[in-house]
C-alpha atoms as a PDB file:
ATOM      1  CA  MET A   1      -8.364 178.254  94.622  1.00  0.00           C
ATOM      2  CA  GLN A   2      -7.366 181.802  94.363  1.00  0.00           C
ATOM      3  CA  HIS A   3      -9.238 182.917  97.423  1.00  0.00           C
ATOM      4  CA  LEU A   4      -7.754 183.100 100.802  1.00  0.00           C
ATOM      5  CA  VAL A   5     -10.245 185.644 102.130  1.00  0.00           C
ATOM      6  CA  ALA A   6     -12.647 183.666 104.280  1.00  0.00           C
ATOM      7  CA  GLN A   7     -13.933 184.259 107.735  1.00  0.00           C
ATOM      8  CA  SER A   8     -13.322 181.572 110.279  1.00  0.00           C
ATOM      9  CA  PRO A   9     -13.219 181.333 114.056  1.00  0.00           C
ATOM     10  CA  SER A  10      -9.994 181.192 115.947  1.00  0.00           C
ATOM     11  CA  ALA A  11      -9.003 177.624 116.622  1.00  0.00           C
ATOM     12  CA  PRO A  12      -7.701 177.372 120.200  1.00  0.00           C
ATOM     13  CA  ALA A  13      -4.963 174.880 119.424  1.00  0.00           C
ATOM     14  CA  ALA A  14      -3.621 176.596 116.335  1.00  0.00           C
ATOM     15  CA  ALA A  15      -4.698 180.112 117.276  1.00  0.00           C
ATOM     16  CA  ALA A  16      -6.268 180.437 113.843  1.00  0.00           C
ATOM     17  CA  SER A  17      -7.905 183.681 112.840  1.00  0.00           C
ATOM     18  CA  PRO A  18     -10.319 184.761 110.105  1.00  0.00           C
ATOM     19  CA  SER A  19      -8.486 184.480 106.824  1.00  0.00           C
ATOM     20  CA  THR A  20      -7.466 187.638 105.040  1.00  0.00           C
ATOM     21  CA  SER A  21      -5.979 185.910 102.021  1.00  0.00           C
ATOM     22  CA  SER A  22      -7.511 183.883  99.256  1.00  0.00           C
ATOM     23  CA  LEU A  23      -6.265 181.548  96.601  1.00  0.00           C
ATOM     24  CA  ALA A  24      -8.109 183.727  94.123  1.00  0.00           C
ATOM     25  CA  PRO A  25      -5.962 186.676  93.004  1.00  0.00           C
ATOM     26  CA  SER A  26      -8.587 189.432  93.011  1.00  0.00           C
ATOM     27  CA  LEU A  27      -8.983 189.135  96.731  1.00  0.00           C
ATOM     28  CA  GLN A  28     -11.874 191.361  97.722  1.00  0.00           C
ATOM     29  CA  ARG A  29     -14.035 191.085  94.603  1.00  0.00           C
ATOM     30  CA  HIS A  30     -17.486 189.530  94.481  1.00  0.00           C
ATOM     31  CA  ARG A  31     -17.947 186.182  92.838  1.00  0.00           C
ATOM     32  CA  CYS A  32     -19.157 186.320  89.250  1.00  0.00           C
ATOM     33  CA  PRO A  33     -22.924 186.042  88.608  1.00  0.00           C
ATOM     34  CA  SER A  34     -22.559 182.629  86.966  1.00  0.00           C
ATOM     35  CA  PHE A  35     -21.839 181.035  90.339  1.00  0.00           C
ATOM     36  CA  LYS A  36     -25.474 181.352  91.356  1.00  0.00           C
ATOM     37  CA  SER A  37     -26.799 180.487  87.899  1.00  0.00           C
ATOM     38  CA  LYS A  38     -28.926 177.477  87.045  1.00  0.00           C
ATOM     39  CA  SER A  39     -25.735 175.488  86.718  1.00  0.00           C
ATOM     40  CA  SER A  40     -25.145 175.846  90.446  1.00  0.00           C
ATOM     41  CA  PRO A  41     -27.177 173.699  92.849  1.00  0.00           C
ATOM     42  CA  SER A  42     -29.817 175.912  94.455  1.00  0.00           C
ATOM     43  CA  GLY A  43     -29.438 174.253  97.809  1.00  0.00           C
ATOM     44  CA  TRP A  44     -26.554 172.204  99.137  1.00  0.00           C
ATOM     45  CA  THR A  45     -25.590 170.833 102.501  1.00  0.00           C
ATOM     46  CA  LEU A  46     -21.973 170.598 103.475  1.00  0.00           C
ATOM     47  CA  LEU A  47     -21.449 167.160 104.934  1.00  0.00           C
ATOM     48  CA  ALA A  48     -19.706 166.843 108.259  1.00  0.00           C
ATOM     49  CA  PRO A  49     -16.201 165.391 107.785  1.00  0.00           C
ATOM     50  CA  GLY A  50     -15.929 162.029 109.451  1.00  0.00           C
ATOM     51  CA  ALA A  51     -19.694 161.591 109.609  1.00  0.00           C
ATOM     52  CA  ASN A  52     -21.313 161.413 106.180  1.00  0.00           C
ATOM     53  CA  TRP A  53     -18.407 162.371 103.941  1.00  0.00           C
ATOM     54  CA  ALA A  54     -15.758 159.890 102.895  1.00  0.00           C
ATOM     55  CA  PRO A  55     -12.676 160.605 100.776  1.00  0.00           C
ATOM     56  CA  SER A  56     -12.147 158.864  97.483  1.00  0.00           C
ATOM     57  CA  SER A  57      -9.899 155.839  97.581  1.00  0.00           C
ATOM     58  CA  PRO A  58      -8.086 155.400  94.252  1.00  0.00           C
ATOM     59  CA  SER A  59      -5.476 152.719  93.903  1.00  0.00           C
ATOM     60  CA  ARG A  60      -1.798 153.511  94.176  1.00  0.00           C
ATOM     61  CA  SER A  61      -1.357 152.781  90.474  1.00  0.00           C
ATOM     62  CA  SER A  62      -3.355 155.938  89.752  1.00  0.00           C
ATOM     63  CA  SER A  63      -0.404 158.270  90.428  1.00  0.00           C
ATOM     64  CA  PRO A  64       0.973 160.073  87.342  1.00  0.00           C
ATOM     65  CA  VAL A  65       4.266 158.161  87.492  1.00  0.00           C
ATOM     66  CA  ALA A  66       2.619 154.761  87.746  1.00  0.00           C
ATOM     67  CA  ALA A  67       0.117 155.782  85.100  1.00  0.00           C
ATOM     68  CA  ALA A  68       2.893 156.789  82.738  1.00  0.00           C
ATOM     69  CA  ALA A  69       4.397 153.337  83.113  1.00  0.00           C
ATOM     70  CA  SER A  70       1.061 151.668  82.371  1.00  0.00           C
ATOM     71  CA  GLY A  71       0.027 154.115  79.654  1.00  0.00           C
ATOM     72  CA  LYS A  72      -3.014 155.350  81.572  1.00  0.00           C
ATOM     73  CA  ALA A  73      -4.080 158.814  82.710  1.00  0.00           C
ATOM     74  CA  GLY A  74      -2.794 159.776  86.132  1.00  0.00           C
ATOM     75  CA  LYS A  75      -4.657 160.563  89.323  1.00  0.00           C
ATOM     76  CA  GLY A  76      -1.861 161.178  91.739  1.00  0.00           C
ATOM     77  CA  ALA A  77      -3.266 164.145  93.556  1.00  0.00           C
ATOM     78  CA  SER A  78      -6.434 162.442  94.729  1.00  0.00           C
ATOM     79  CA  SER A  79      -7.025 161.632  98.375  1.00  0.00           C
ATOM     80  CA  GLY A  80      -4.138 159.930 100.121  1.00  0.00           C
ATOM     81  CA  LYS A  81      -6.311 157.526 102.097  1.00  0.00           C
ATOM     82  CA  GLY A  82      -7.052 153.972 101.034  1.00  0.00           C
ATOM     83  CA  PHE A  83      -3.748 153.462  99.224  1.00  0.00           C
ATOM     84  CA  GLY A  84      -2.489 150.640 101.460  1.00  0.00           C
ATOM     85  CA  ALA A  85       1.135 150.901 102.597  1.00  0.00           C
ATOM     86  CA  ALA A  86       2.363 154.427 101.953  1.00  0.00           C
ATOM     87  CA  ASN A  87       5.537 155.218 100.053  1.00  0.00           C
ATOM     88  CA  ALA A  88       8.314 156.617 102.188  1.00  0.00           C
ATOM     89  CA  PRO A  89       8.668 160.349 101.417  1.00  0.00           C
ATOM     90  CA  SER A  90      11.720 161.271  99.400  1.00  0.00           C
ATOM     91  CA  VAL A  91      14.350 163.378 101.121  1.00  0.00           C
ATOM     92  CA  SER A  92      16.147 166.315  99.526  1.00  0.00           C
ATOM     93  CA  LYS A  93      19.851 166.995  99.895  1.00  0.00           C
ATOM     94  CA  SER A  94      19.032 169.313 102.776  1.00  0.00           C
ATOM     95  CA  GLY A  95      17.176 166.501 104.522  1.00  0.00           C
ATOM     96  CA  VAL A  96      13.726 168.086 104.006  1.00  0.00           C
ATOM     97  CA  SER A  97      10.861 165.692 103.274  1.00  0.00           C
ATOM     98  CA  GLN A  98       9.418 166.013  99.787  1.00  0.00           C
ATOM     99  CA  THR A  99       5.940 164.680 100.521  1.00  0.00           C
ATOM    100  CA  CYS A 100       3.480 166.427  98.198  1.00  0.00           C
ATOM    101  CA  ALA A 101       1.914 169.563  99.658  1.00  0.00           C
ATOM    102  CA  CYS A 102      -1.508 168.634  98.279  1.00  0.00           C
ATOM    103  CA  GLY A 103      -2.100 166.290 101.204  1.00  0.00           C
ATOM    104  CA  SER A 104      -2.029 163.006  99.280  1.00  0.00           C
ATOM    105  CA  LYS A 105       0.845 161.605 101.400  1.00  0.00           C
ATOM    106  CA  ILE A 106       2.604 160.649  98.168  1.00  0.00           C
ATOM    107  CA  VAL A 107       6.020 161.989  97.199  1.00  0.00           C
ATOM    108  CA  TYR A 108       5.793 165.164  95.136  1.00  0.00           C
ATOM    109  CA  ARG A 109       7.590 163.801  92.078  1.00  0.00           C
ATOM    110  CA  GLN A 110       5.015 161.007  91.848  1.00  0.00           C
ATOM    111  CA  CYS A 111       2.018 163.194  92.632  1.00  0.00           C
ATOM    112  CA  CYS A 112       1.595 166.812  91.505  1.00  0.00           C
ATOM    113  CA  GLU A 113       4.974 167.473  89.906  1.00  0.00           C
ATOM    114  CA  PRO A 114       4.029 165.823  86.569  1.00  0.00           C
ATOM    115  CA  TYR A 115       1.031 168.160  86.395  1.00  0.00           C
ATOM    116  CA  HIS A 116       3.179 171.198  87.154  1.00  0.00           C
ATOM    117  CA  LEU A 117       5.710 170.189  84.487  1.00  0.00           C
ATOM    118  CA  GLY A 118       3.019 169.565  81.853  1.00  0.00           C
ATOM    119  CA  ALA A 119       3.772 165.838  81.634  1.00  0.00           C
ATOM    120  CA  ALA A 120       0.223 164.920  82.715  1.00  0.00           C
ATOM    121  CA  ALA A 121      -3.113 166.570  83.430  1.00  0.00           C
ATOM    122  CA  PRO A 122      -5.259 166.102  86.553  1.00  0.00           C
ATOM    123  CA  PRO A 123      -7.882 163.485  85.627  1.00  0.00           C
ATOM    124  CA  ASP A 124     -10.659 164.784  87.867  1.00  0.00           C
ATOM    125  CA  VAL A 125     -11.733 167.916  89.686  1.00  0.00           C
ATOM    126  CA  GLU A 126     -10.272 166.905  93.061  1.00  0.00           C
ATOM    127  CA  ALA A 127      -6.893 166.201  91.498  1.00  0.00           C
ATOM    128  CA  ALA A 128      -7.104 169.598  89.743  1.00  0.00           C
ATOM    129  CA  LEU A 129      -7.786 171.360  93.033  1.00  0.00           C
ATOM    130  CA  ARG A 130      -4.965 169.553  94.819  1.00  0.00           C
ATOM    131  CA  ALA A 131      -2.536 170.334  92.010  1.00  0.00           C
ATOM    132  CA  ARG A 132      -3.447 174.020  92.220  1.00  0.00           C
ATOM    133  CA  PHE A 133      -3.030 174.093  95.981  1.00  0.00           C
ATOM    134  CA  CYS A 134       0.374 172.442  95.754  1.00  0.00           C
ATOM    135  CA  ALA A 135       1.340 174.945  93.058  1.00  0.00           C
ATOM    136  CA  PHE A 136       0.502 177.825  95.395  1.00  0.00           C
ATOM    137  CA  VAL A 137       2.677 176.252  98.077  1.00  0.00           C
ATOM    138  CA  LYS A 138       5.588 175.815  95.674  1.00  0.00           C
ATOM    139  CA  GLY A 139       5.146 179.061  93.745  1.00  0.00           C
ATOM    140  CA  ARG A 140       4.466 177.422  90.375  1.00  0.00           C
ATOM    141  CA  VAL A 141       3.092 180.618  88.838  1.00  0.00           C
ATOM    142  CA  PRO A 142       3.066 179.612  85.117  1.00  0.00           C
ATOM    143  CA  TYR A 143       1.161 176.445  85.932  1.00  0.00           C
ATOM    144  CA  LEU A 144      -1.332 178.321  88.110  1.00  0.00           C
ATOM    145  CA  VAL A 145      -2.044 180.887  85.408  1.00  0.00           C
ATOM    146  CA  SER A 146      -2.780 178.059  82.966  1.00  0.00           C
ATOM    147  CA  THR A 147      -5.434 176.596  85.285  1.00  0.00           C
ATOM    148  CA  PHE A 148      -7.846 179.556  85.180  1.00  0.00           C
ATOM    149  CA  HIS A 149     -10.914 179.362  82.973  1.00  0.00           C
ATOM    150  CA  PRO A 150     -11.281 182.227  80.448  1.00  0.00           C
ATOM    151  CA  SER A 151     -14.537 183.292  82.118  1.00  0.00           C
ATOM    152  CA  TYR A 152     -12.577 184.106  85.276  1.00  0.00           C
ATOM    153  CA  HIS A 153     -10.340 186.451  83.291  1.00  0.00           C
ATOM    154  CA  SER A 154     -13.240 188.221  81.584  1.00  0.00           C
ATOM    155  CA  PHE A 155     -15.157 188.876  84.801  1.00  0.00           C
ATOM    156  CA  LYS A 156     -12.418 189.583  87.341  1.00  0.00           C
ATOM    157  CA  TYR A 157     -10.416 191.784  84.986  1.00  0.00           C
ATOM    158  CA  GLU A 158     -13.205 193.306  82.936  1.00  0.00           C
ATOM    159  CA  GLY A 159     -12.112 196.248  80.810  1.00  0.00           C
ATOM    160  CA  SER A 160      -8.465 195.213  80.629  1.00  0.00           C
ATOM    161  CA  ALA A 161      -6.540 195.890  77.453  1.00  0.00           C
ATOM    162  CA  PRO A 162      -5.893 192.909  75.126  1.00  0.00           C
ATOM    163  CA  GLY A 163      -3.532 190.626  77.002  1.00  0.00           C
ATOM    164  CA  GLY A 164      -3.820 192.762  80.116  1.00  0.00           C
ATOM    165  CA  ALA A 165      -6.047 190.335  82.018  1.00  0.00           C
ATOM    166  CA  THR A 166      -3.524 187.512  81.801  1.00  0.00           C
ATOM    167  CA  ALA A 167      -0.668 189.828  82.740  1.00  0.00           C
ATOM    168  CA  GLN A 168      -2.526 191.145  85.787  1.00  0.00           C
ATOM    169  CA  LEU A 169      -3.584 187.632  86.757  1.00  0.00           C
ATOM    170  CA  ARG A 170       0.042 186.536  86.649  1.00  0.00           C
ATOM    171  CA  ARG A 171       1.080 189.442  88.884  1.00  0.00           C
ATOM    172  CA  ASP A 172      -1.711 188.709  91.359  1.00  0.00           C
ATOM    173  CA  VAL A 173      -0.888 184.993  91.508  1.00  0.00           C
ATOM    174  CA  GLU A 174       2.796 185.694  91.974  1.00  0.00           C
ATOM    175  CA  ALA A 175       1.990 188.098  94.809  1.00  0.00           C
ATOM    176  CA  ALA A 176      -0.237 185.492  96.474  1.00  0.00           C
ATOM    177  CA  THR A 177       2.565 182.923  96.415  1.00  0.00           C
ATOM    178  CA  LYS A 178       5.076 185.385  97.846  1.00  0.00           C
ATOM    179  CA  VAL A 179       2.943 186.937 100.573  1.00  0.00           C
ATOM    180  CA  PHE A 180       1.290 183.823 102.012  1.00  0.00           C
ATOM    181  CA  THR A 181       2.255 180.309 102.981  1.00  0.00           C
ATOM    182  CA  TYR A 182      -0.427 177.640 102.606  1.00  0.00           C
ATOM    183  CA  SER A 183      -0.907 174.338 104.405  1.00  0.00           C
ATOM    184  CA  ASN A 184      -3.298 171.642 105.628  1.00  0.00           C
ATOM    185  CA  LEU A 185      -5.582 171.320 102.625  1.00  0.00           C
ATOM    186  CA  LYS A 186      -8.701 169.307 103.462  1.00  0.00           C
ATOM    187  CA  VAL A 187     -11.158 168.409 100.709  1.00  0.00           C
ATOM    188  CA  LEU A 188     -14.629 168.224 102.251  1.00  0.00           C
ATOM    189  CA  GLU A 189     -17.049 167.587  99.420  1.00  0.00           C
ATOM    190  CA  VAL A 190     -17.204 167.232  95.638  1.00  0.00           C
ATOM    191  CA  GLN A 191     -20.524 167.877  93.889  1.00  0.00           C
ATOM    192  CA  PRO A 192     -21.525 167.525  90.234  1.00  0.00           C
ATOM    193  CA  GLY A 193     -22.749 170.558  88.344  1.00  0.00           C
ATOM    194  CA  SER A 194     -25.436 170.808  85.697  1.00  0.00           C
ATOM    195  CA  GLY A 195     -23.530 168.445  83.413  1.00  0.00           C
ATOM    196  CA  PRO A 196     -20.440 166.231  83.203  1.00  0.00           C
ATOM    197  CA  ASP A 197     -18.187 169.217  82.480  1.00  0.00           C
ATOM    198  CA  GLU A 198     -19.007 171.208  85.622  1.00  0.00           C
ATOM    199  CA  ALA A 199     -18.231 170.416  89.260  1.00  0.00           C
ATOM    200  CA  PHE A 200     -18.192 172.120  92.662  1.00  0.00           C
ATOM    201  CA  ILE A 201     -15.687 171.303  95.365  1.00  0.00           C
ATOM    202  CA  THR A 202     -15.663 172.461  98.993  1.00  0.00           C
ATOM    203  CA  PHE A 203     -12.440 172.531 100.976  1.00  0.00           C
ATOM    204  CA  ARG A 204     -10.522 174.314 103.714  1.00  0.00           C
ATOM    205  CA  TYR A 205      -6.896 175.221 104.293  1.00  0.00           C
ATOM    206  CA  ASN A 206      -4.629 177.325 106.490  1.00  0.00           C
ATOM    207  CA  SER A 207      -2.548 180.333 105.526  1.00  0.00           C
ATOM    208  CA  VAL A 208      -0.019 182.642 107.159  1.00  0.00           C
ATOM    209  CA  ASN A 209       1.047 186.087 106.006  1.00  0.00           C
ATOM    210  CA  LYS A 210       4.816 185.662 105.851  1.00  0.00           C
ATOM    211  CA  VAL A 211       5.519 189.258 104.795  1.00  0.00           C
ATOM    212  CA  ASN A 212       3.601 190.978 107.572  1.00  0.00           C
ATOM    213  CA  PRO A 213       2.613 188.207 110.012  1.00  0.00           C
ATOM    214  CA  LYS A 214       0.096 188.980 112.704  1.00  0.00           C
ATOM    215  CA  LYS A 215       0.734 187.826 116.253  1.00  0.00           C
ATOM    216  CA  ASN A 216      -1.460 186.268 118.899  1.00  0.00           C
ATOM    217  CA  PHE A 217      -1.463 187.700 122.413  1.00  0.00           C
ATOM    218  CA  ASP A 218       1.176 185.148 123.423  1.00  0.00           C
ATOM    219  CA  GLY A 219       3.479 186.193 120.592  1.00  0.00           C
ATOM    220  CA  SER A 220       2.818 183.191 118.335  1.00  0.00           C
ATOM    221  CA  ILE A 221       2.038 183.671 114.636  1.00  0.00           C
ATOM    222  CA  LYS A 222      -1.641 183.794 113.719  1.00  0.00           C
ATOM    223  CA  ILE A 223      -2.845 181.038 111.414  1.00  0.00           C
ATOM    224  CA  SER A 224      -5.870 181.855 109.274  1.00  0.00           C
ATOM    225  CA  THR A 225      -8.348 179.200 108.155  1.00  0.00           C
ATOM    226  CA  THR A 226     -10.333 179.553 104.935  1.00  0.00           C
ATOM    227  CA  LEU A 227     -13.406 177.543 103.986  1.00  0.00           C
ATOM    228  CA  GLU A 228     -14.137 177.775 100.300  1.00  0.00           C
ATOM    229  CA  ARG A 229     -16.352 176.366  97.563  1.00  0.00           C
ATOM    230  CA  SER A 230     -14.967 176.489  94.039  1.00  0.00           C
ATOM    231  CA  ARG A 231     -16.505 175.909  90.642  1.00  0.00           C
ATOM    232  CA  PHE A 232     -14.518 174.054  87.990  1.00  0.00           C
ATOM    233  CA  VAL A 233     -15.313 173.672  84.299  1.00  0.00           C
ATOM    234  CA  ARG A 234     -13.802 171.050  82.023  1.00  0.00           C
ATOM    235  CA  GLU A 235     -12.639 172.377  78.684  1.00  0.00           C
ATOM    236  CA  PRO A 236     -12.293 170.148  75.604  1.00  0.00           C
ATOM    237  CA  SER A 237      -8.749 169.023  74.963  1.00  0.00           C
ATOM    238  CA  ALA A 238      -6.891 171.017  72.353  1.00  0.00           C
ATOM    239  CA  GLY A 239      -4.942 167.916  71.437  1.00  0.00           C
ATOM    240  CA  GLY A 240      -1.665 169.441  72.511  1.00  0.00           C
ATOM    241  CA  SER A 241       0.846 168.381  75.151  1.00  0.00           C
ATOM    242  CA  GLY A 242       0.020 168.224  78.813  1.00  0.00           C
ATOM    243  CA  GLY A 243      -1.673 164.861  79.136  1.00  0.00           C
ATOM    244  CA  GLY A 244      -5.188 166.219  78.733  1.00  0.00           C
ATOM    245  CA  GLY A 245      -6.268 163.409  76.441  1.00  0.00           C
ATOM    246  CA  GLY A 246      -9.778 163.473  75.020  1.00  0.00           C
ATOM    247  CA  ASP A 247     -11.496 164.434  78.264  1.00  0.00           C
ATOM    248  CA  GLY A 248     -10.024 167.917  78.500  1.00  0.00           C
ATOM    249  CA  SER A 249      -8.698 169.804  81.521  1.00  0.00           C
ATOM    250  CA  TRP A 250     -10.550 170.924  84.637  1.00  0.00           C
ATOM    251  CA  LEU A 251     -10.122 174.715  84.954  1.00  0.00           C
ATOM    252  CA  PHE A 252     -10.885 176.963  87.914  1.00  0.00           C
ATOM    253  CA  ALA A 253     -13.837 179.206  87.000  1.00  0.00           C
ATOM    254  CA  ASP A 254     -15.220 180.790  90.181  1.00  0.00           C
ATOM    255  CA  TYR A 255     -15.534 180.518  93.937  1.00  0.00           C
ATOM    256  CA  GLU A 256     -17.376 181.632  97.029  1.00  0.00           C
ATOM    257  CA  LEU A 257     -16.247 181.805 100.626  1.00  0.00           C
ATOM    258  CA  ILE A 258     -18.249 180.085 103.343  1.00  0.00           C
ATOM    259  CA  ASP A 259     -18.741 181.469 106.818  1.00  0.00           C
ATOM    260  CA  TYR A 260     -17.008 178.994 109.075  1.00  0.00           C
ATOM    261  CA  PRO A 261     -19.444 179.119 112.029  1.00  0.00           C
ATOM    262  CA  THR A 262     -22.361 178.660 109.599  1.00  0.00           C
ATOM    263  CA  TRP A 263     -20.663 175.627 108.116  1.00  0.00           C
ATOM    264  CA  MET A 264     -20.134 174.141 111.556  1.00  0.00           C
ATOM    265  CA  GLU A 265     -23.800 174.575 112.430  1.00  0.00           C
ATOM    266  CA  GLU A 266     -24.979 173.149 109.091  1.00  0.00           C
ATOM    267  CA  ALA A 267     -22.690 170.163 109.510  1.00  0.00           C
ATOM    268  CA  LYS A 268     -23.988 169.564 113.030  1.00  0.00           C
ATOM    269  CA  GLN A 269     -27.632 169.792 111.938  1.00  0.00           C
ATOM    270  CA  SER A 270     -26.962 167.496 108.986  1.00  0.00           C
ATOM    271  CA  GLU A 271     -25.445 164.896 111.291  1.00  0.00           C
ATOM    272  CA  LEU A 272     -28.354 165.168 113.750  1.00  0.00           C
ATOM    273  CA  ARG A 273     -30.875 164.747 110.927  1.00  0.00           C
ATOM    274  CA  ALA A 274     -29.011 161.681 109.672  1.00  0.00           C
ATOM    275  CA  ARG A 275     -28.994 160.170 113.164  1.00  0.00           C
ATOM    276  CA  GLY A 276     -32.714 160.883 113.613  1.00  0.00           C
ATOM    277  CA  GLN A 277     -33.557 159.210 110.316  1.00  0.00           C
ATOM    278  CA  GLN A 278     -31.452 156.211 111.244  1.00  0.00           C
ATOM    279  CA  GLN A 279     -33.147 155.860 114.639  1.00  0.00           C
ATOM    280  CA  GLN A 280     -36.557 156.142 113.015  1.00  0.00           C
ATOM    281  CA  GLN A 281     -35.756 153.472 110.456  1.00  0.00           C
ATOM    282  CA  GLN A 282     -34.468 150.938 112.998  1.00  0.00           C
ATOM    283  CA  PRO A 283     -37.870 150.178 114.677  1.00  0.00           C
ATOM    284  CA  GLU A 284     -39.549 150.033 111.280  1.00  0.00           C
ATOM    285  CA  ALA A 285     -36.971 147.551 110.015  1.00  0.00           C
ATOM    286  CA  ALA A 286     -37.314 145.439 113.171  1.00  0.00           C
ATOM    287  CA  ALA A 287     -41.102 145.410 112.855  1.00  0.00           C
ATOM    288  CA  ALA A 288     -40.905 144.389 109.214  1.00  0.00           C
ATOM    289  CA  ALA A 289     -38.539 141.550 110.051  1.00  0.00           C
ATOM    290  CA  ALA A 290     -40.808 140.284 112.852  1.00  0.00           C
ATOM    291  CA  ALA A 291     -43.962 140.373 110.736  1.00  0.00           C
ATOM    292  CA  PRO A 292     -45.224 136.943 109.550  1.00  0.00           C
ATOM    293  CA  ALA A 293     -44.498 136.120 105.947  1.00  0.00           C
END
């Protein structure tokens, strides 16, 4: 999620503009060749939110805090829908709500904070993505650096001196957290890769350049929207601390940015195809039901 450099249309309500930031530190570089390898689906259709896509609905007991009490792995950063009655957000001394920035609608200390502190590890790829996004919002640089797959280092910082790739990655991540503010994460689709240890996740989010903010014609701050597809790889657990268990940790390996208008058109066509298939199947089903046994 190191890639806030997408192109998106301006949203009339929010006055959003094409994104010029990315949650991937090396902002203007091409994605690594492995993204289009055999491990990546050759053709994929982004499902229209609210039409064919539905968020996961884990139980409330899947949060890291509840899991710690029950001795199970946590899943606090998964989708916030389907939990039943929501917990009231905690309030800081300054009166600011501490609802987790990952969008789960759970309080931060019961959601992504255990991941950021190393007390637990995200149990699935969506939780890993949400934990990374929240870390960008909160400036958790050490945690973010630990979530990159080694292949990202070797490609994005090729030719660096020993140890130089990690050092440069840390500087780039720190700059990304200081220059931009991030909000409104929306997970759109999660797809399996070539095996159980690879996954692709499509999502969008907003960002604002807080160092040199751009203005709309009416003087309001421009909000950029990024649509992104990331590749995650699960590494075997080293057996150390961090709650990884035997399944290992999902690490960010690569990404590509999606043209927002193209996505909108693909989503629309996908929905129309689904409706056409449904309408075609209805007469056939009715005829089959009316046929004599």
